C-alpha atoms as a PDB file:
ATOM      1  CA  UNK A   1       5.342   4.928  20.314  1.00  0.00           C
ATOM      2  CA  UNK A   2       3.971   3.026  23.280  1.00  0.00           C
ATOM      3  CA  UNK A   3       3.102  -0.638  23.118  1.00  0.00           C
ATOM      4  CA  UNK A   4      -0.592   0.369  23.281  1.00  0.00           C
ATOM      5  CA  UNK A   5      -0.403   2.316  20.045  1.00  0.00           C
ATOM      6  CA  UNK A   6      -2.195   0.768  17.060  1.00  0.00           C
ATOM      7  CA  UNK A   7       0.939   1.510  15.024  1.00  0.00           C
ATOM      8  CA  UNK A   8       4.683   1.133  15.398  1.00  0.00           C
ATOM      9  CA  UNK A   9       6.617   3.680  13.368  1.00  0.00           C
ATOM     10  CA  UNK A  10      10.346   3.728  12.683  1.00  0.00           C
ATOM     11  CA  UNK A  11      12.333   5.655  10.068  1.00  0.00           C
ATOM     12  CA  UNK A  12      15.709   4.220   9.114  1.00  0.00           C
ATOM     13  CA  UNK A  13      17.974   5.068   6.170  1.00  0.00           C
ATOM     14  CA  UNK A  14      15.169   6.751   4.244  1.00  0.00           C
ATOM     15  CA  UNK A  15      12.667   3.941   4.870  1.00  0.00           C
ATOM     16  CA  UNK A  16       9.581   4.401   7.046  1.00  0.00           C
ATOM     17  CA  UNK A  17       8.601   1.077   8.615  1.00  0.00           C
ATOM     18  CA  UNK A  18       4.960   1.224   9.702  1.00  0.00           C
ATOM     19  CA  UNK A  19       3.650  -1.842  11.543  1.00  0.00           C
ATOM     20  CA  UNK A  20       0.014  -2.441  12.377  1.00  0.00           C
ATOM     21  CA  UNK A  21       0.133  -3.234  16.088  1.00  0.00           C
ATOM     22  CA  UNK A  22      -3.100  -4.757  17.365  1.00  0.00           C
ATOM     23  CA  UNK A  23      -2.063  -8.418  17.443  1.00  0.00           C
ATOM     24  CA  UNK A  24      -4.836  -9.476  19.849  1.00  0.00           C
ATOM     25  CA  UNK A  25      -7.342  -8.261  17.235  1.00  0.00           C
ATOM     26  CA  UNK A  26      -5.250  -9.639  14.342  1.00  0.00           C
ATOM     27  CA  UNK A  27      -4.470  -5.989  13.500  1.00  0.00           C
ATOM     28  CA  UNK A  28      -8.108  -5.253  12.680  1.00  0.00           C
ATOM     29  CA  UNK A  29      -8.830  -1.647  11.774  1.00  0.00           C
ATOM     30  CA  UNK A  30     -11.036   0.298  14.127  1.00  0.00           C
ATOM     31  CA  UNK A  31     -11.614   4.011  13.560  1.00  0.00           C
ATOM     32  CA  UNK A  32      -8.716   5.141  15.810  1.00  0.00           C
ATOM     33  CA  UNK A  33      -6.325   2.858  13.888  1.00  0.00           C
ATOM     34  CA  UNK A  34      -7.597   4.117  10.535  1.00  0.00           C
ATOM     35  CA  UNK A  35      -7.203   7.729  11.582  1.00  0.00           C
ATOM     36  CA  UNK A  36      -3.774   7.197  13.147  1.00  0.00           C
ATOM     37  CA  UNK A  37      -2.455   5.554  10.000  1.00  0.00           C
ATOM     38  CA  UNK A  38      -3.824   8.342   7.809  1.00  0.00           C
ATOM     39  CA  UNK A  39      -2.147  10.985  10.006  1.00  0.00           C
ATOM     40  CA  UNK A  40       1.124   9.073   9.896  1.00  0.00           C
ATOM     41  CA  UNK A  41       1.008   8.867   6.102  1.00  0.00           C
ATOM     42  CA  UNK A  42       0.462  12.632   5.950  1.00  0.00           C
ATOM     43  CA  UNK A  43       3.540  13.123   8.127  1.00  0.00           C
ATOM     44  CA  UNK A  44       5.682  10.798   6.017  1.00  0.00           C
ATOM     45  CA  UNK A  45       4.493  12.523   2.846  1.00  0.00           C
ATOM     46  CA  UNK A  46       5.863  15.814   4.153  1.00  0.00           C
ATOM     47  CA  UNK A  47       9.075  14.432   5.639  1.00  0.00           C
ATOM     48  CA  UNK A  48      12.024  14.636   3.184  1.00  0.00           C
ATOM     49  CA  UNK A  49      13.880  12.036   5.276  1.00  0.00           C
ATOM     50  CA  UNK A  50      11.263   9.459   4.231  1.00  0.00           C
ATOM     51  CA  UNK A  51      11.796   8.176   0.706  1.00  0.00           C
ATOM     52  CA  UNK A  52      10.045   4.781   0.893  1.00  0.00           C
ATOM     53  CA  UNK A  53       7.219   3.328   2.989  1.00  0.00           C
ATOM     54  CA  UNK A  54       6.978  -0.294   4.157  1.00  0.00           C
ATOM     55  CA  UNK A  55       3.682  -1.431   5.701  1.00  0.00           C
ATOM     56  CA  UNK A  56       3.462  -4.710   7.617  1.00  0.00           C
ATOM     57  CA  UNK A  57       1.722  -6.269  10.627  1.00  0.00           C
ATOM     58  CA  UNK A  58       2.623  -7.527  14.084  1.00  0.00           C
ATOM     59  CA  UNK A  59       2.048 -11.177  14.884  1.00  0.00           C
ATOM     60  CA  UNK A  60       0.486 -13.826  12.671  1.00  0.00           C
ATOM     61  CA  UNK A  61      -1.835 -11.595  10.622  1.00  0.00           C
ATOM     62  CA  UNK A  62      -1.216  -8.654   8.351  1.00  0.00           C
ATOM     63  CA  UNK A  63      -4.697  -7.258   8.932  1.00  0.00           C
ATOM     64  CA  UNK A  64      -8.080  -8.859   9.572  1.00  0.00           C
ATOM     65  CA  UNK A  65     -10.000  -5.950   8.044  1.00  0.00           C
ATOM     66  CA  UNK A  66     -12.680  -4.002   9.886  1.00  0.00           C
ATOM     67  CA  UNK A  67     -12.865  -4.420  13.645  1.00  0.00           C
ATOM     68  CA  UNK A  68     -16.002  -6.537  14.081  1.00  0.00           C
ATOM     69  CA  UNK A  69     -16.293  -5.685  17.790  1.00  0.00           C
ATOM     70  CA  UNK A  70     -16.561  -2.001  16.891  1.00  0.00           C
ATOM     71  CA  UNK A  71     -18.981  -2.908  14.090  1.00  0.00           C
ATOM     72  CA  UNK A  72     -21.190  -4.991  16.430  1.00  0.00           C
ATOM     73  CA  UNK A  73     -21.202  -2.228  19.050  1.00  0.00           C
ATOM     74  CA  UNK A  74     -22.334   0.289  16.439  1.00  0.00           C
ATOM     75  CA  UNK A  75     -25.068  -2.118  15.377  1.00  0.00           C
ATOM     76  CA  UNK A  76     -26.283  -2.511  18.979  1.00  0.00           C
ATOM     77  CA  UNK A  77     -26.472   1.281  19.284  1.00  0.00           C
ATOM     78  CA  UNK A  78     -28.376   1.584  16.007  1.00  0.00           C
ATOM     79  CA  UNK A  79     -25.672   3.631  14.275  1.00  0.00           C
ATOM     80  CA  UNK A  80     -24.088   1.006  12.009  1.00  0.00           C
ATOM     81  CA  UNK A  81     -24.684   3.058   8.860  1.00  0.00           C
ATOM     82  CA  UNK A  82     -23.509   6.333  10.375  1.00  0.00           C
ATOM     83  CA  UNK A  83     -20.741   5.622  12.888  1.00  0.00           C
ATOM     84  CA  UNK A  84     -18.068   6.629  10.409  1.00  0.00           C
ATOM     85  CA  UNK A  85     -15.914   3.563   9.702  1.00  0.00           C
ATOM     86  CA  UNK A  86     -16.436   3.600   5.934  1.00  0.00           C
ATOM     87  CA  UNK A  87     -15.636   7.295   5.640  1.00  0.00           C
ATOM     88  CA  UNK A  88     -12.451   6.886   7.732  1.00  0.00           C
ATOM     89  CA  UNK A  89     -11.418   3.856   5.656  1.00  0.00           C
ATOM     90  CA  UNK A  90     -11.986   5.739   2.416  1.00  0.00           C
ATOM     91  CA  UNK A  91      -9.843   8.644   3.592  1.00  0.00           C
ATOM     92  CA  UNK A  92      -7.053   6.226   4.461  1.00  0.00           C
ATOM     93  CA  UNK A  93      -7.227   4.247   1.213  1.00  0.00           C
ATOM     94  CA  UNK A  94      -7.220   7.456  -0.841  1.00  0.00           C
ATOM     95  CA  UNK A  95      -4.226   8.770   1.138  1.00  0.00           C
ATOM     96  CA  UNK A  96      -2.209   5.562   0.673  1.00  0.00           C
ATOM     97  CA  UNK A  97      -3.089   5.250  -3.017  1.00  0.00           C
ATOM     98  CA  UNK A  98      -2.020   8.849  -3.667  1.00  0.00           C
ATOM     99  CA  UNK A  99       1.145   8.644  -1.519  1.00  0.00           C
ATOM    100  CA  UNK A 100       3.857  10.134  -3.725  1.00  0.00           C
ATOM    101  CA  UNK A 101       6.702   7.931  -2.475  1.00  0.00           C
ATOM    102  CA  UNK A 102       7.141   4.218  -3.261  1.00  0.00           C
ATOM    103  CA  UNK A 103       5.140   1.988  -0.928  1.00  0.00           C
ATOM    104  CA  UNK A 104       5.642  -1.688  -0.147  1.00  0.00           C
ATOM    105  CA  UNK A 105       3.232  -4.048   1.593  1.00  0.00           C
ATOM    106  CA  UNK A 106       5.156  -6.810   3.396  1.00  0.00           C
ATOM    107  CA  UNK A 107       2.297  -9.230   3.907  1.00  0.00           C
ATOM    108  CA  UNK A 108       2.619 -11.595   6.846  1.00  0.00           C
ATOM    109  CA  UNK A 109      -0.268 -13.965   7.446  1.00  0.00           C
ATOM    110  CA  UNK A 110      -3.872 -13.152   6.641  1.00  0.00           C
ATOM    111  CA  UNK A 111      -5.059 -10.061   4.769  1.00  0.00           C
ATOM    112  CA  UNK A 112      -8.851  -9.828   4.826  1.00  0.00           C
ATOM    113  CA  UNK A 113     -11.295  -7.198   3.602  1.00  0.00           C
ATOM    114  CA  UNK A 114      -9.936  -3.727   4.246  1.00  0.00           C
ATOM    115  CA  UNK A 115      -6.637  -5.316   5.262  1.00  0.00           C
ATOM    116  CA  UNK A 116      -6.352  -6.765   1.779  1.00  0.00           C
ATOM    117  CA  UNK A 117      -7.392  -3.387   0.375  1.00  0.00           C
ATOM    118  CA  UNK A 118      -4.465  -1.756   2.193  1.00  0.00           C
ATOM    119  CA  UNK A 119      -2.085  -4.033   0.301  1.00  0.00           C
ATOM    120  CA  UNK A 120      -3.781  -3.204  -3.009  1.00  0.00           C
ATOM    121  CA  UNK A 121      -3.144   0.517  -2.441  1.00  0.00           C
ATOM    122  CA  UNK A 122       0.611  -0.090  -2.206  1.00  0.00           C
ATOM    123  CA  UNK A 123       2.945  -0.016  -5.196  1.00  0.00           C
ATOM    124  CA  UNK A 124       4.615  -3.331  -4.391  1.00  0.00           C
ATOM    125  CA  UNK A 125       3.309  -6.413  -2.581  1.00  0.00           C
ATOM    126  CA  UNK A 126       5.664  -9.010  -1.119  1.00  0.00           C
ATOM    127  CA  UNK A 127       3.874 -11.994   0.394  1.00  0.00           C
ATOM    128  CA  UNK A 128       5.270 -14.426   2.932  1.00  0.00           C
ATOM    129  CA  UNK A 129       4.588 -18.082   2.182  1.00  0.00           C
ATOM    130  CA  UNK A 130       2.019 -18.118   4.999  1.00  0.00           C
ATOM    131  CA  UNK A 131       0.135 -15.106   3.636  1.00  0.00           C
ATOM    132  CA  UNK A 132      -3.440 -15.622   2.489  1.00  0.00           C
ATOM    133  CA  UNK A 133      -6.102 -13.337   1.119  1.00  0.00           C
ATOM    134  CA  UNK A 134      -9.864 -13.182   1.503  1.00  0.00           C
ATOM    135  CA  UNK A 135     -12.258 -10.465   0.421  1.00  0.00           C
ATOM    136  CA  UNK A 136     -14.689 -11.157   3.237  1.00  0.00           C
ATOM    137  CA  UNK A 137     -17.340  -8.822   1.883  1.00  0.00           C
ATOM    138  CA  UNK A 138     -19.888 -11.149   0.303  1.00  0.00           C
ATOM    139  CA  UNK A 139     -19.337 -13.624   3.134  1.00  0.00           C
ATOM    140  CA  UNK A 140     -20.863 -10.937   5.366  1.00  0.00           C
ATOM    141  CA  UNK A 141     -23.519 -10.129   2.735  1.00  0.00           C
ATOM    142  CA  UNK A 142     -21.759  -6.862   1.867  1.00  0.00           C
ATOM    143  CA  UNK A 143     -20.338  -5.507  -1.341  1.00  0.00           C
ATOM    144  CA  UNK A 144     -16.723  -4.200  -1.350  1.00  0.00           C
ATOM    145  CA  UNK A 145     -16.364  -0.875   0.437  1.00  0.00           C
ATOM    146  CA  UNK A 146     -12.646  -0.047   0.645  1.00  0.00           C
ATOM    147  CA  UNK A 147     -11.429  -0.152  -2.936  1.00  0.00           C
ATOM    148  CA  UNK A 148     -11.271  -3.838  -3.914  1.00  0.00           C
ATOM    149  CA  UNK A 149     -13.772  -3.396  -6.755  1.00  0.00           C
ATOM    150  CA  UNK A 150     -11.481  -0.741  -8.270  1.00  0.00           C
ATOM    151  CA  UNK A 151      -8.071  -2.306  -7.692  1.00  0.00           C
ATOM    152  CA  UNK A 152      -8.692  -5.989  -8.353  1.00  0.00           C
ATOM    153  CA  UNK A 153     -10.008  -5.796 -11.949  1.00  0.00           C
ATOM    154  CA  UNK A 154      -6.991  -3.663 -12.853  1.00  0.00           C
ATOM    155  CA  UNK A 155      -4.555  -6.058 -11.183  1.00  0.00           C
ATOM    156  CA  UNK A 156      -5.973  -9.480 -12.008  1.00  0.00           C
ATOM    157  CA  UNK A 157      -8.711  -8.921 -14.610  1.00  0.00           C
ATOM    158  CA  UNK A 158     -12.475  -8.726 -14.240  1.00  0.00           C
ATOM    159  CA  UNK A 159     -13.224 -12.474 -14.233  1.00  0.00           C
ATOM    160  CA  UNK A 160     -10.646 -13.358 -11.581  1.00  0.00           C
ATOM    161  CA  UNK A 161     -11.814 -10.376  -9.521  1.00  0.00           C
ATOM    162  CA  UNK A 162     -15.410 -11.609  -9.711  1.00  0.00           C
ATOM    163  CA  UNK A 163     -14.368 -15.136  -8.746  1.00  0.00           C
ATOM    164  CA  UNK A 164     -12.465 -13.849  -5.746  1.00  0.00           C
ATOM    165  CA  UNK A 165     -15.182 -11.418  -4.639  1.00  0.00           C
ATOM    166  CA  UNK A 166     -18.318 -13.426  -5.417  1.00  0.00           C
ATOM    167  CA  UNK A 167     -17.140 -16.789  -4.095  1.00  0.00           C
ATOM    168  CA  UNK A 168     -15.255 -15.248  -1.169  1.00  0.00           C
ATOM    169  CA  UNK A 169     -12.483 -17.775  -1.637  1.00  0.00           C
ATOM    170  CA  UNK A 170      -9.386 -17.955   0.538  1.00  0.00           C
ATOM    171  CA  UNK A 171      -6.373 -17.566  -1.744  1.00  0.00           C
ATOM    172  CA  UNK A 172      -2.934 -18.613  -0.597  1.00  0.00           C
ATOM    173  CA  UNK A 173       0.214 -16.722  -1.455  1.00  0.00           C
ATOM    174  CA  UNK A 174       1.063 -18.900  -4.448  1.00  0.00           C
ATOM    175  CA  UNK A 175      -2.355 -18.388  -6.040  1.00  0.00           C
ATOM    176  CA  UNK A 176      -2.152 -14.656  -5.360  1.00  0.00           C
ATOM    177  CA  UNK A 177       1.228 -14.583  -7.098  1.00  0.00           C
ATOM    178  CA  UNK A 178      -0.050 -16.620 -10.045  1.00  0.00           C
ATOM    179  CA  UNK A 179      -2.886 -14.191 -10.795  1.00  0.00           C
ATOM    180  CA  UNK A 180      -0.874 -11.036 -10.136  1.00  0.00           C
ATOM    181  CA  UNK A 181      -2.357  -9.952  -6.815  1.00  0.00           C
ATOM    182  CA  UNK A 182       1.166  -9.881  -5.380  1.00  0.00           C
ATOM    183  CA  UNK A 183       4.461  -9.408  -7.170  1.00  0.00           C
ATOM    184  CA  UNK A 184       6.850 -11.434  -5.021  1.00  0.00           C
ATOM    185  CA  UNK A 185       6.731 -14.488  -2.768  1.00  0.00           C
ATOM    186  CA  UNK A 186       9.265 -15.493  -0.124  1.00  0.00           C
ATOM    187  CA  UNK A 187       9.593 -17.651   2.955  1.00  0.00           C
ATOM    188  CA  UNK A 188       8.208 -16.281   6.190  1.00  0.00           C
ATOM    189  CA  UNK A 189      11.623 -15.705   7.706  1.00  0.00           C
ATOM    190  CA  UNK A 190      12.792 -13.786   4.629  1.00  0.00           C
ATOM    191  CA  UNK A 191       9.844 -11.385   4.424  1.00  0.00           C
ATOM    192  CA  UNK A 192      11.338  -8.398   6.207  1.00  0.00           C
ATOM    193  CA  UNK A 193      14.774  -8.845   4.660  1.00  0.00           C
ATOM    194  CA  UNK A 194      13.251  -8.998   1.172  1.00  0.00           C
ATOM    195  CA  UNK A 195      11.203  -5.888   1.937  1.00  0.00           C
ATOM    196  CA  UNK A 196      14.356  -4.194   3.239  1.00  0.00           C
ATOM    197  CA  UNK A 197      16.292  -5.068   0.080  1.00  0.00           C
ATOM    198  CA  UNK A 198      13.612  -3.628  -2.189  1.00  0.00           C
ATOM    199  CA  UNK A 199      13.093  -0.585   0.033  1.00  0.00           C
ATOM    200  CA  UNK A 200      16.822   0.163   0.094  1.00  0.00           C
ATOM    201  CA  UNK A 201      17.026   0.018  -3.706  1.00  0.00           C
ATOM    202  CA  UNK A 202      14.079   2.387  -4.018  1.00  0.00           C
ATOM    203  CA  UNK A 203      15.371   4.754  -1.319  1.00  0.00           C
ATOM    204  CA  UNK A 204      18.626   5.182  -3.257  1.00  0.00           C
ATOM    205  CA  UNK A 205      16.757   5.914  -6.453  1.00  0.00           C
ATOM    206  CA  UNK A 206      15.465   9.146  -8.017  1.00  0.00           C
ATOM    207  CA  UNK A 207      12.374   9.487  -5.851  1.00  0.00           C
ATOM    208  CA  UNK A 208      11.406  12.765  -7.523  1.00  0.00           C
ATOM    209  CA  UNK A 209      11.113  10.826 -10.793  1.00  0.00           C
ATOM    210  CA  UNK A 210       9.334   7.969  -8.976  1.00  0.00           C
ATOM    211  CA  UNK A 211       6.667  10.402  -7.774  1.00  0.00           C
ATOM    212  CA  UNK A 212       6.021  11.673 -11.294  1.00  0.00           C
ATOM    213  CA  UNK A 213       5.996   8.111 -12.629  1.00  0.00           C
ATOM    214  CA  UNK A 214       3.380   7.106 -10.043  1.00  0.00           C
ATOM    215  CA  UNK A 215       1.224  10.068 -11.022  1.00  0.00           C
ATOM    216  CA  UNK A 216       1.562   9.255 -14.731  1.00  0.00           C
ATOM    217  CA  UNK A 217       0.517   5.643 -14.178  1.00  0.00           C
ATOM    218  CA  UNK A 218      -2.371   6.571 -11.907  1.00  0.00           C
ATOM    219  CA  UNK A 219      -3.756   9.400 -14.038  1.00  0.00           C
ATOM    220  CA  UNK A 220      -3.013   7.662 -17.352  1.00  0.00           C
ATOM    221  CA  UNK A 221      -5.916   5.276 -16.830  1.00  0.00           C
ATOM    222  CA  UNK A 222      -8.348   8.027 -17.795  1.00  0.00           C
ATOM    223  CA  UNK A 223      -6.347   9.621 -20.631  1.00  0.00           C
ATOM    224  CA  UNK A 224      -5.947   8.950 -24.320  1.00  0.00           C
ATOM    225  CA  UNK A 225      -2.470   8.102 -25.593  1.00  0.00           C
ATOM    226  CA  UNK A 226      -2.054  11.614 -27.028  1.00  0.00           C
ATOM    227  CA  UNK A 227      -2.996  13.141 -23.679  1.00  0.00           C
ATOM    228  CA  UNK A 228      -0.648  10.782 -21.865  1.00  0.00           C
ATOM    229  CA  UNK A 229       2.252  11.651 -24.160  1.00  0.00           C
ATOM    230  CA  UNK A 230       1.697  15.326 -23.394  1.00  0.00           C
ATOM    231  CA  UNK A 231       1.659  14.579 -19.649  1.00  0.00           C
ATOM    232  CA  UNK A 232       4.853  12.535 -20.018  1.00  0.00           C
ATOM    233  CA  UNK A 233       6.551  15.431 -21.768  1.00  0.00           C
ATOM    234  CA  UNK A 234       5.588  17.849 -19.009  1.00  0.00           C
ATOM    235  CA  UNK A 235       6.755  15.462 -16.288  1.00  0.00           C
ATOM    236  CA  UNK A 236       9.970  14.764 -18.180  1.00  0.00           C
ATOM    237  CA  UNK A 237      10.816  18.454 -18.303  1.00  0.00           C
ATOM    238  CA  UNK A 238      10.400  18.717 -14.544  1.00  0.00           C
ATOM    239  CA  UNK A 239      12.515  15.613 -13.957  1.00  0.00           C
ATOM    240  CA  UNK A 240      15.234  16.801 -16.315  1.00  0.00           C
ATOM    241  CA  UNK A 241      15.498  20.108 -14.459  1.00  0.00           C
ATOM    242  CA  UNK A 242      15.562  18.447 -11.037  1.00  0.00           C
ATOM    243  CA  UNK A 243      18.723  18.010  -8.967  1.00  0.00           C
ATOM    244  CA  UNK A 244      18.505  14.264  -9.602  1.00  0.00           C
ATOM    245  CA  UNK A 245      18.161  14.834 -13.329  1.00  0.00           C
ATOM    246  CA  UNK A 246      21.259  17.016 -13.387  1.00  0.00           C
ATOM    247  CA  UNK A 247      23.137  14.456 -11.285  1.00  0.00           C
ATOM    248  CA  UNK A 248      22.085  11.553 -13.534  1.00  0.00           C
ATOM    249  CA  UNK A 249      23.456  13.254 -16.644  1.00  0.00           C
ATOM    250  CA  UNK A 250      26.667  14.294 -14.898  1.00  0.00           C
ATOM    251  CA  UNK A 251      27.210  10.766 -13.551  1.00  0.00           C
ATOM    252  CA  UNK A 252      26.615   9.270 -16.996  1.00  0.00           C
ATOM    253  CA  UNK A 253      29.205  11.583 -18.531  1.00  0.00           C
ATOM    254  CA  UNK A 254      31.665  10.831 -15.728  1.00  0.00           C
ATOM    255  CA  UNK A 255      30.965   7.078 -15.916  1.00  0.00           C
ATOM    256  CA  UNK A 256      30.093   6.709 -12.241  1.00  0.00           C
ATOM    257  CA  UNK A 257      27.096   5.685 -10.150  1.00  0.00           C
ATOM    258  CA  UNK A 258      24.766   8.646  -9.543  1.00  0.00           C
ATOM    259  CA  UNK A 259      23.915   9.854  -6.058  1.00  0.00           C
ATOM    260  CA  UNK A 260      20.253  10.820  -5.918  1.00  0.00           C
ATOM    261  CA  UNK A 261      18.747  13.039  -3.230  1.00  0.00           C
ATOM    262  CA  UNK A 262      15.075  12.911  -4.253  1.00  0.00           C
ATOM    263  CA  UNK A 263      14.863  16.505  -5.463  1.00  0.00           C
END
């Protein structure tokens, strides 16, 4: 991709590295960036060479959220409620949340508003020491509009979610780790290597089983235990019949490390 693209995309050893690339705007999300990222996720979903996704940002910020210049321009033209940012953001967040392959947010610097929401849609969140998080919504007299009100109570509990959203506090990486907003903390210079280590482990794993596990976890929130057990049985049958399932059993019998292909 050219240097003017809002995204940098590279696939290496089964890992798709997607970097938000608007450093002058602190990687803020305008509609073209939202749509480009959604298209790229669709492509990586279909590509069997991609087994893991890593999302990060160029420069000193992960993502500053909505592009306020685009927002202000829409307001000047009297189309703030209809210019389409929210709809484009919702399509992107839904696509990332439903992405069947493991996803990792490698969070460098600030993640604000919809930028924070991007991290919440990922399966794993690794924060650099310099990372910080801010909802930004109530500070602009808005309620959450890109998924924070759904993700945060499930990740950190309702009271902590209300504290973070109502008071619009700036949380550093250590506080985010303490409450469960992120799962791992590292120094700034280790961020990409830590993301690479985790991504490599996942890429070598049974990604067919990972996809079914993600679906079970996601859909299990609205099922009873009996319904979930039935869904687990159905998914288990598919996994057991998969090429990876056959390979896992054969490797166990032969006392060797299995070689998974994600099918």
